[in-house]
Amino acid sequence: MKSAILTSDSNKNLKILIELADRLGIKAKMLTDEQLEDIGMIKAIKNGRTGSFVDSDKFIGGLK
């Protein structure tokens, strides 16, 4: 499955794109700003996971 996120300042244009997607048999829906933020947070968390532990002393030292 492939996905795309489109953003625009024009609700009218987004509605036209969603209508076109529906006619082409593509599932589409409008997302709220909160939903977009959640997607961004999930992506950041997944990218930040390395599977290894961080030395807390080094980490705290790097913050100073």
N, C-alpha and C. Protein backbone atom coordinates (compact mmCIF):
# COMPACT_ATOMS: atom_id res chain seq x y z
N MET A 1 0.85 -1.18 0.00
CA MET A 1 0.00 0.00 0.00
C MET A 1 0.89 1.24 0.00
N LYS A 2 0.58 2.18 -0.83
CA LYS A 2 1.29 3.45 -0.91
C LYS A 2 0.37 4.55 -0.41
N SER A 3 0.97 5.60 0.14
CA SER A 3 0.19 6.71 0.68
C SER A 3 0.79 8.03 0.23
N ALA A 4 -0.03 9.06 0.28
CA ALA A 4 0.43 10.42 -0.03
C ALA A 4 -0.30 11.38 0.89
N ILE A 5 0.40 12.41 1.29
CA ILE A 5 -0.22 13.48 2.08
C ILE A 5 -0.08 14.76 1.29
N LEU A 6 -1.19 15.40 1.04
CA LEU A 6 -1.22 16.66 0.29
C LEU A 6 -1.64 17.77 1.24
N THR A 7 -0.98 18.90 1.15
CA THR A 7 -1.38 20.04 1.96
C THR A 7 -1.62 21.24 1.06
N SER A 8 -2.55 22.08 1.49
CA SER A 8 -2.89 23.27 0.71
C SER A 8 -3.54 24.29 1.63
N ASP A 9 -3.41 25.53 1.26
CA ASP A 9 -4.10 26.59 2.00
C ASP A 9 -5.55 26.71 1.55
N SER A 10 -5.89 26.01 0.49
CA SER A 10 -7.23 26.10 -0.08
C SER A 10 -8.03 24.82 0.20
N ASN A 11 -9.05 24.94 1.03
CA ASN A 11 -9.95 23.80 1.29
C ASN A 11 -10.66 23.39 0.01
N LYS A 12 -10.98 24.38 -0.83
CA LYS A 12 -11.69 24.10 -2.08
C LYS A 12 -10.85 23.17 -2.96
N ASN A 13 -9.56 23.47 -3.11
CA ASN A 13 -8.70 22.63 -3.94
C ASN A 13 -8.54 21.24 -3.37
N LEU A 14 -8.41 21.12 -2.04
CA LEU A 14 -8.29 19.81 -1.41
C LEU A 14 -9.56 18.99 -1.62
N LYS A 15 -10.70 19.64 -1.52
CA LYS A 15 -11.96 18.93 -1.74
C LYS A 15 -12.06 18.42 -3.18
N ILE A 16 -11.56 19.20 -4.13
CA ILE A 16 -11.55 18.77 -5.53
C ILE A 16 -10.66 17.53 -5.69
N LEU A 17 -9.49 17.55 -5.06
CA LEU A 17 -8.58 16.41 -5.13
C LEU A 17 -9.19 15.16 -4.49
N ILE A 18 -9.87 15.34 -3.37
CA ILE A 18 -10.51 14.21 -2.70
C ILE A 18 -11.64 13.66 -3.56
N GLU A 19 -12.39 14.54 -4.19
CA GLU A 19 -13.45 14.08 -5.09
C GLU A 19 -12.87 13.30 -6.26
N LEU A 20 -11.78 13.79 -6.82
CA LEU A 20 -11.12 13.09 -7.92
C LEU A 20 -10.62 11.72 -7.47
N ALA A 21 -10.02 11.68 -6.29
CA ALA A 21 -9.55 10.40 -5.75
C ALA A 21 -10.70 9.41 -5.61
N ASP A 22 -11.82 9.88 -5.08
CA ASP A 22 -13.00 9.02 -4.94
C ASP A 22 -13.45 8.47 -6.30
N ARG A 23 -13.46 9.33 -7.31
CA ARG A 23 -13.87 8.89 -8.65
C ARG A 23 -12.91 7.86 -9.23
N LEU A 24 -11.62 7.94 -8.82
CA LEU A 24 -10.62 7.00 -9.31
C LEU A 24 -10.53 5.76 -8.45
N GLY A 25 -11.37 5.68 -7.42
CA GLY A 25 -11.37 4.52 -6.55
C GLY A 25 -10.26 4.52 -5.52
N ILE A 26 -9.75 5.71 -5.21
CA ILE A 26 -8.67 5.85 -4.23
C ILE A 26 -9.28 6.38 -2.93
N LYS A 27 -8.97 5.70 -1.82
CA LYS A 27 -9.46 6.16 -0.52
C LYS A 27 -8.78 7.47 -0.15
N ALA A 28 -9.54 8.45 0.29
CA ALA A 28 -8.98 9.75 0.66
C ALA A 28 -9.82 10.36 1.77
N LYS A 29 -9.17 11.13 2.63
CA LYS A 29 -9.91 11.85 3.66
C LYS A 29 -9.11 13.05 4.12
N MET A 30 -9.80 14.02 4.65
CA MET A 30 -9.16 15.22 5.20
C MET A 30 -8.65 14.90 6.60
N LEU A 31 -7.47 15.40 6.95
CA LEU A 31 -6.91 15.23 8.28
C LEU A 31 -6.91 16.56 9.00
N THR A 32 -7.11 16.49 10.31
CA THR A 32 -7.03 17.70 11.13
C THR A 32 -5.56 18.02 11.40
N ASP A 33 -5.31 19.23 11.86
CA ASP A 33 -3.94 19.61 12.23
C ASP A 33 -3.41 18.68 13.32
N GLU A 34 -4.26 18.29 14.25
CA GLU A 34 -3.85 17.40 15.34
C GLU A 34 -3.44 16.03 14.79
N GLN A 35 -4.17 15.51 13.83
CA GLN A 35 -3.84 14.23 13.23
C GLN A 35 -2.50 14.30 12.49
N LEU A 36 -2.25 15.42 11.80
CA LEU A 36 -0.98 15.60 11.11
C LEU A 36 0.18 15.66 12.11
N GLU A 37 -0.03 16.35 13.24
CA GLU A 37 1.00 16.41 14.28
C GLU A 37 1.28 15.02 14.84
N ASP A 38 0.23 14.24 15.05
CA ASP A 38 0.40 12.87 15.56
C ASP A 38 1.23 12.02 14.59
N ILE A 39 0.96 12.15 13.30
CA ILE A 39 1.73 11.41 12.30
C ILE A 39 3.19 11.83 12.34
N GLY A 40 3.44 13.12 12.46
CA GLY A 40 4.81 13.61 12.54
C GLY A 40 5.52 13.11 13.79
N MET A 41 4.82 13.06 14.90
CA MET A 41 5.41 12.58 16.15
C MET A 41 5.73 11.09 16.05
N ILE A 42 4.83 10.31 15.48
CA ILE A 42 5.07 8.88 15.30
C ILE A 42 6.30 8.65 14.43
N LYS A 43 6.40 9.41 13.36
CA LYS A 43 7.55 9.27 12.45
C LYS A 43 8.85 9.62 13.17
N ALA A 44 8.84 10.70 13.95
CA ALA A 44 10.04 11.11 14.68
C ALA A 44 10.45 10.05 15.69
N ILE A 45 9.49 9.46 16.38
CA ILE A 45 9.79 8.41 17.36
C ILE A 45 10.40 7.20 16.66
N LYS A 46 9.80 6.78 15.56
CA LYS A 46 10.31 5.61 14.83
C LYS A 46 11.73 5.86 14.31
N ASN A 47 11.98 7.06 13.79
CA ASN A 47 13.31 7.38 13.28
C ASN A 47 14.34 7.48 14.39
N GLY A 48 13.91 7.86 15.59
CA GLY A 48 14.82 8.04 16.71
C GLY A 48 15.19 6.74 17.40
N ARG A 49 14.42 5.70 17.18
CA ARG A 49 14.71 4.40 17.82
C ARG A 49 15.89 3.74 17.13
N THR A 50 16.88 3.39 17.94
CA THR A 50 18.06 2.72 17.39
C THR A 50 18.18 1.30 17.91
N GLY A 51 17.47 0.98 18.98
CA GLY A 51 17.56 -0.35 19.56
C GLY A 51 18.71 -0.49 20.54
N SER A 52 19.51 0.55 20.68
CA SER A 52 20.62 0.49 21.62
C SER A 52 20.37 1.46 22.77
N PHE A 53 21.02 1.18 23.90
CA PHE A 53 20.86 2.04 25.06
C PHE A 53 21.84 3.20 25.00
N VAL A 54 21.43 4.31 25.58
CA VAL A 54 22.26 5.50 25.60
C VAL A 54 22.86 5.64 26.99
N ASP A 55 24.15 5.95 27.05
CA ASP A 55 24.82 6.20 28.33
C ASP A 55 24.26 7.50 28.89
N SER A 56 23.55 7.43 30.01
CA SER A 56 22.88 8.60 30.57
C SER A 56 23.87 9.69 30.96
N ASP A 57 25.04 9.33 31.45
CA ASP A 57 26.05 10.36 31.82
C ASP A 57 26.52 11.12 30.59
N LYS A 58 26.78 10.41 29.49
CA LYS A 58 27.19 11.08 28.25
C LYS A 58 26.08 11.97 27.72
N PHE A 59 24.86 11.47 27.81
CA PHE A 59 23.71 12.24 27.31
C PHE A 59 23.56 13.53 28.08
N ILE A 60 23.57 13.42 29.41
CA ILE A 60 23.40 14.61 30.25
C ILE A 60 24.58 15.57 30.06
N GLY A 61 25.79 15.00 29.93
CA GLY A 61 26.96 15.84 29.68
C GLY A 61 26.85 16.60 28.38
N GLY A 62 26.26 15.97 27.36
CA GLY A 62 26.07 16.63 26.08
C GLY A 62 25.07 17.76 26.14
N LEU A 63 24.16 17.71 27.10
CA LEU A 63 23.16 18.77 27.25
C LEU A 63 23.74 20.02 27.93
N LYS A 64 24.81 19.82 28.67
CA LYS A 64 25.38 20.95 29.43
C LYS A 64 26.20 21.84 28.60
